[in-house]
Protein backbone atom coordinates (compact mmCIF):
# COMPACT_ATOMS: atom_id res chain seq x y z
CA UNK A 1 0.12 0.00 0.01
CA UNK A 2 1.20 3.48 -0.72
CA UNK A 3 0.72 4.65 2.82
CA UNK A 4 2.71 1.70 4.28
CA UNK A 5 5.58 2.16 1.75
CA UNK A 6 5.91 5.81 2.75
CA UNK A 7 5.95 4.97 6.34
CA UNK A 8 8.53 2.26 5.95
CA UNK A 9 10.80 4.94 3.88
CA UNK A 10 10.61 7.44 6.66
CA UNK A 11 11.21 4.83 9.16
CA UNK A 12 14.32 3.70 7.29
CA UNK A 13 15.38 7.45 7.05
CA UNK A 14 15.32 7.69 10.87
CA UNK A 15 16.83 4.37 11.37
CA UNK A 16 20.00 4.81 9.29
CA UNK A 17 21.18 8.09 10.96
CA UNK A 18 20.49 6.75 14.36
CA UNK A 19 22.68 3.43 13.53
CA UNK A 20 25.52 5.57 12.28
CA UNK A 21 25.49 7.88 15.42
CA UNK A 22 25.35 4.79 17.55
CA UNK A 23 28.37 3.49 15.73
CA UNK A 24 30.32 6.79 16.24
CA UNK A 25 29.51 6.80 19.82
CA UNK A 26 31.01 3.42 20.42
CA UNK A 27 34.11 4.39 18.25
CA UNK A 28 34.54 7.47 20.23
CA UNK A 29 34.32 5.65 23.23
CA UNK A 30 36.98 3.43 22.38
CA UNK A 31 39.43 6.36 21.78
CA UNK A 32 38.15 8.79 24.36
CA UNK A 33 40.73 9.07 26.98
CA UNK A 34 38.14 9.94 29.91
CA UNK A 35 35.97 6.99 29.18
CA UNK A 36 38.17 4.48 31.12
CA UNK A 37 37.28 6.51 34.37
CA UNK A 38 33.41 6.11 34.08
CA UNK A 39 31.69 4.40 36.76
CA UNK A 40 29.29 1.70 35.67
CA UNK A 41 26.72 0.13 37.88
CA UNK A 42 27.13 -3.69 37.79
CA UNK A 43 24.37 -4.37 40.43
CA UNK A 44 22.20 -1.37 41.05
CA UNK A 45 21.13 -1.12 44.56
CA UNK A 46 19.15 1.92 45.44
CA UNK A 47 17.59 2.77 48.73
CA UNK A 48 15.61 5.87 48.36
CA UNK A 49 17.64 8.59 47.19
CA UNK A 50 20.69 6.74 48.33
CA UNK A 51 22.81 4.85 45.74
CA UNK A 52 24.73 1.88 47.13
CA UNK A 53 25.24 0.08 43.65
CA UNK A 54 27.97 -2.42 43.23
CA UNK A 55 30.11 -0.61 40.45
CA UNK A 56 33.27 -1.42 38.36
CA UNK A 57 35.61 0.35 40.86
CA UNK A 58 34.06 -1.71 43.65
CA UNK A 59 34.55 -4.81 41.72
CA UNK A 60 38.30 -3.99 41.16
CA UNK A 61 38.66 -3.10 44.68
CA UNK A 62 37.67 -6.48 45.67
CA UNK A 63 39.78 -8.21 42.94
CA UNK A 64 42.78 -6.19 44.46
CA UNK A 65 42.30 -7.40 47.88
CA UNK A 66 41.45 -10.91 46.78
CA UNK A 67 44.41 -11.21 44.53
CA UNK A 68 46.95 -9.72 47.34
CA UNK A 69 45.52 -11.82 49.93
CA UNK A 70 45.91 -15.15 47.72
CA UNK A 71 49.16 -14.25 46.73
CA UNK A 72 50.45 -13.43 50.21
CA UNK A 73 49.03 -16.80 51.47
CA UNK A 74 50.19 -18.85 48.57
CA UNK A 75 53.71 -17.78 48.93
CA UNK A 76 53.90 -17.97 52.88
CA UNK A 77 51.73 -21.13 53.56
CA UNK A 78 54.66 -23.51 53.00
CA UNK A 79 57.75 -21.65 53.94
CA UNK A 80 60.92 -23.28 53.54
CA UNK A 81 64.48 -22.90 54.73
CA UNK A 82 65.44 -22.10 51.01
CA UNK A 83 62.90 -19.80 49.91
CA UNK A 84 61.58 -20.13 46.20
CA UNK A 85 61.17 -17.06 43.92
CA UNK A 86 57.69 -16.26 44.95
CA UNK A 87 58.39 -16.49 48.51
CA UNK A 88 61.48 -14.40 48.07
CA UNK A 89 59.39 -11.67 46.63
CA UNK A 90 56.98 -11.70 49.71
CA UNK A 91 59.82 -11.64 51.95
CA UNK A 92 61.50 -8.79 50.15
CA UNK A 93 58.24 -6.94 50.27
CA UNK A 94 57.90 -7.52 53.91
CA UNK A 95 61.29 -6.56 54.95
CA UNK A 96 61.04 -3.42 52.45
CA UNK A 97 58.01 -2.12 54.22
CA UNK A 98 59.31 -3.00 57.75
CA UNK A 99 62.52 -1.08 57.17
CA UNK A 100 60.81 1.84 55.69
CA UNK A 101 58.42 1.99 58.85
CA UNK A 102 61.45 1.45 61.18
CA UNK A 103 63.50 4.20 59.75
CA UNK A 104 60.67 6.65 60.07
CA UNK A 105 59.16 6.00 63.49
CA UNK A 106 61.73 3.64 65.22
CA UNK A 107 61.08 0.54 66.74
CA UNK A 108 57.94 1.58 68.47
CA UNK A 109 56.27 2.16 65.07
CA UNK A 110 56.18 -1.50 64.21
CA UNK A 111 52.68 -1.65 65.70
CA UNK A 112 51.50 0.23 62.57
CA UNK A 113 53.14 -2.48 60.27
CA UNK A 114 49.75 -4.16 59.28
CA UNK A 115 48.20 -0.81 58.29
CA UNK A 116 51.30 0.63 56.35
CA UNK A 117 51.95 -2.73 54.65
CA UNK A 118 48.06 -3.09 53.61
CA UNK A 119 48.10 0.38 52.12
CA UNK A 120 51.30 -0.21 50.22
CA UNK A 121 50.16 -3.58 48.68
CA UNK A 122 46.78 -2.34 47.98
CA UNK A 123 47.79 0.72 46.22
CA UNK A 124 50.76 -1.10 44.24
CA UNK A 125 48.44 -3.97 42.90
CA UNK A 126 45.54 -1.73 42.17
CA UNK A 127 47.85 0.56 40.09
CA UNK A 128 49.42 -2.37 38.34
CA UNK A 129 45.95 -3.81 37.40
CA UNK A 130 45.07 -0.64 35.88
CA UNK A 131 47.63 -1.09 33.46
CA UNK A 132 45.97 -3.99 31.74
CA UNK A 133 43.57 -3.18 28.88
CA UNK A 134 39.78 -2.90 29.76
CA UNK A 135 40.64 -3.07 33.63
CA UNK A 136 39.87 -0.17 35.84
CA UNK A 137 42.07 1.88 38.06
CA UNK A 138 40.66 2.61 41.25
CA UNK A 139 43.33 4.84 42.39
CA UNK A 140 42.31 7.28 39.59
CA UNK A 141 39.33 8.22 41.39
CA UNK A 142 39.86 10.88 44.05
CA UNK A 143 37.21 9.47 46.27
CA UNK A 144 39.47 6.27 46.86
CA UNK A 145 42.69 8.09 47.54
CA UNK A 146 40.88 10.55 49.75
CA UNK A 147 39.43 7.72 51.81
CA UNK A 148 43.01 6.19 52.19
CA UNK A 149 44.55 9.45 53.22
CA UNK A 150 41.68 10.22 55.79
CA UNK A 151 42.43 6.65 57.28
CA UNK A 152 46.12 7.65 57.82
CA UNK A 153 45.03 11.11 59.01
CA UNK A 154 42.45 9.96 61.54
CA UNK A 155 44.78 7.16 62.67
CA UNK A 156 47.45 9.77 63.72
CA UNK A 157 44.97 12.06 65.35
CA UNK A 158 43.38 9.21 67.50
CA UNK A 159 46.65 7.49 68.35
CA UNK A 160 48.35 10.75 69.11
CA UNK A 161 45.60 11.95 71.38
CA UNK A 162 45.32 8.49 73.01
CA UNK A 163 48.90 8.32 73.73
CA UNK A 164 49.75 11.71 74.68
CA UNK A 165 46.52 13.56 75.36
CA UNK A 166 46.91 17.29 75.12
CA UNK A 167 50.62 17.05 74.61
CA UNK A 168 49.86 15.75 71.16
CA UNK A 169 49.26 19.58 70.33
CA UNK A 170 52.95 20.18 70.81
CA UNK A 171 53.12 19.18 67.23
CA UNK A 172 51.91 22.61 66.37
CA UNK A 173 54.52 24.50 68.53
CA UNK A 174 57.96 23.90 67.20
CA UNK A 175 60.81 24.49 69.63
CA UNK A 176 62.99 27.56 69.54
CA UNK A 177 60.52 29.81 67.83
CA UNK A 178 60.44 33.43 69.02
CA UNK A 179 57.30 34.32 71.09
CA UNK A 180 56.38 37.22 68.83
CA UNK A 181 56.36 34.59 65.72
CA UNK A 182 54.48 31.97 67.64
CA UNK A 183 50.84 32.88 66.62
CA UNK A 184 51.87 32.87 62.93
CA UNK A 185 53.93 29.60 63.20
CA UNK A 186 51.16 27.79 64.96
CA UNK A 187 48.50 28.94 62.35
CA UNK A 188 51.00 27.82 59.50
CA UNK A 189 51.65 24.55 61.43
CA UNK A 190 47.86 23.91 61.84
CA UNK A 191 47.04 24.54 58.16
CA UNK A 192 49.87 22.30 56.98
CA UNK A 193 48.46 19.56 59.28
CA UNK A 194 44.86 19.71 58.12
CA UNK A 195 46.09 20.06 54.37
CA UNK A 196 47.77 16.59 54.73
CA UNK A 197 44.87 14.58 53.39
CA UNK A 198 44.53 16.81 50.43
CA UNK A 199 48.18 16.57 49.38
CA UNK A 200 48.47 12.76 50.39
CA UNK A 201 45.48 11.95 48.08
CA UNK A 202 45.92 14.23 45.20
CA UNK A 203 49.29 13.18 44.63
CA UNK A 204 48.37 9.44 43.98
CA UNK A 205 45.00 10.39 41.93
CA UNK A 206 46.75 13.17 39.82
CA UNK A 207 49.74 10.91 38.87
CA UNK A 208 47.51 8.01 37.81
CA UNK A 209 44.91 10.11 36.18
CA UNK A 210 47.57 11.95 34.01
CA UNK A 211 49.53 8.82 33.17
CA UNK A 212 46.31 6.72 32.01
CA UNK A 213 45.25 9.82 30.04
CA UNK A 214 48.45 10.14 28.20
CA UNK A 215 48.60 6.25 27.59
CA UNK A 216 45.20 6.22 26.30
CA UNK A 217 45.71 9.32 23.84
CA UNK A 218 48.87 7.72 22.29
CA UNK A 219 46.95 4.34 22.16
CA UNK A 220 43.87 6.30 20.46
CA UNK A 221 46.57 7.69 17.77
CA UNK A 222 47.73 4.13 16.94
CA UNK A 223 44.27 2.85 16.45
CA UNK A 224 43.06 6.03 14.51
CA UNK A 225 46.09 5.91 12.24
CA UNK A 226 46.09 2.21 11.67
CA UNK A 227 42.36 2.32 10.37
CA UNK A 228 43.82 4.73 7.39
CA UNK A 229 45.42 2.10 5.47
CA UNK A 230 49.11 1.34 4.59
CA UNK A 231 50.04 5.12 5.04
CA UNK A 232 48.35 5.36 8.29
CA UNK A 233 49.85 2.18 9.64
CA UNK A 234 53.56 3.75 8.76
CA UNK A 235 52.74 6.69 10.74
CA UNK A 236 51.41 4.80 13.68
CA UNK A 237 54.81 3.52 14.26
CA UNK A 238 55.84 6.54 16.32
CA UNK A 239 52.75 6.69 18.71
CA UNK A 240 53.14 2.96 18.97
CA UNK A 241 56.73 3.42 20.30
CA UNK A 242 55.48 6.29 22.69
CA UNK A 243 52.72 3.96 23.87
CA UNK A 244 55.31 1.12 24.72
CA UNK A 245 57.53 3.69 26.31
CA UNK A 246 54.75 5.29 28.28
CA UNK A 247 53.70 1.85 29.50
CA UNK A 248 57.01 1.22 30.89
CA UNK A 249 57.02 4.58 32.64
CA UNK A 250 53.58 3.72 34.13
CA UNK A 251 55.02 0.62 35.55
CA UNK A 252 57.53 2.62 37.38
CA UNK A 253 55.00 5.26 38.43
CA UNK A 254 52.85 2.60 39.69
CA UNK A 255 55.41 1.13 42.25
CA UNK A 256 56.81 4.73 42.90
CA UNK A 257 53.34 6.22 43.95
CA UNK A 258 52.58 3.19 46.11
CA UNK A 259 56.02 3.81 47.81
CA UNK A 260 55.56 7.60 47.99
CA UNK A 261 52.11 6.96 49.79
CA UNK A 262 53.47 4.52 52.26
CA UNK A 263 56.50 6.71 53.16
CA UNK A 264 54.36 9.65 53.81
CA UNK A 265 52.01 7.58 56.02
CA UNK A 266 55.02 6.38 57.83
CA UNK A 267 56.01 10.12 58.46
CA UNK A 268 52.89 11.22 59.68
CA UNK A 269 52.46 8.20 61.92
CA UNK A 270 55.68 9.34 63.38
CA UNK A 271 53.96 12.29 64.57
CA UNK A 272 51.36 10.39 66.59
CA UNK A 273 54.39 8.80 68.49
CA UNK A 274 56.76 11.64 68.85
CA UNK A 275 54.74 14.82 68.56
CA UNK A 276 57.61 17.02 69.99
CA UNK A 277 60.28 15.92 67.35
């Protein structure tokens, strides 16, 4: 019928552009450097206006904890007099964190070893997992790094007050400061102390975010140029080399940022034990 034919034609006219737009959206998502940081609800859980959904970020945090726990258990469950390669890695990791904490806080700081070791291992494994294609980097989200930094901050405050009482506030009064400058110095020390969670969290977040964006940009160049034929493939050699180099750099940054976060945690915990030093 003429009417039906016209309707089908108009429907096809609308369907074709929509399909092309969906194809462009999918293609842009593959090369969009920000798309990798999007939170996706895997198990929607909504209670009123509150959202408790299980997201891809939560999934990879669970994966990070499980992988770390399984690796540490498997490498230490059957300890031998002559350690194997995996056991040696675990022992080196243990001694590395223990010596770092001992140097920063002294022998009394070893009570914080479980906290510092857990932070270092979690951040290291999470950073390395984020380097795999289609994986999610939980430390590239500020809310995660802020939570870790606040954990250290409140541990310092609670332990410092419990151990020293009001003497903990000697932390804000350096020795040898002239009385006339004391109010200014105390104000600076208080602001510096309160800003610790900000610098502690933003440093890790910014490094992981910037590195992954840079890596995705160069990888996107490789994909885009590779789709342009032989000439494009030849031009993709340079960004491919940059992608490999940046990947190697990101592996170093992943370990370095875990180390920096743990070192700063040790230095802050030292204030809880020795506020007057």
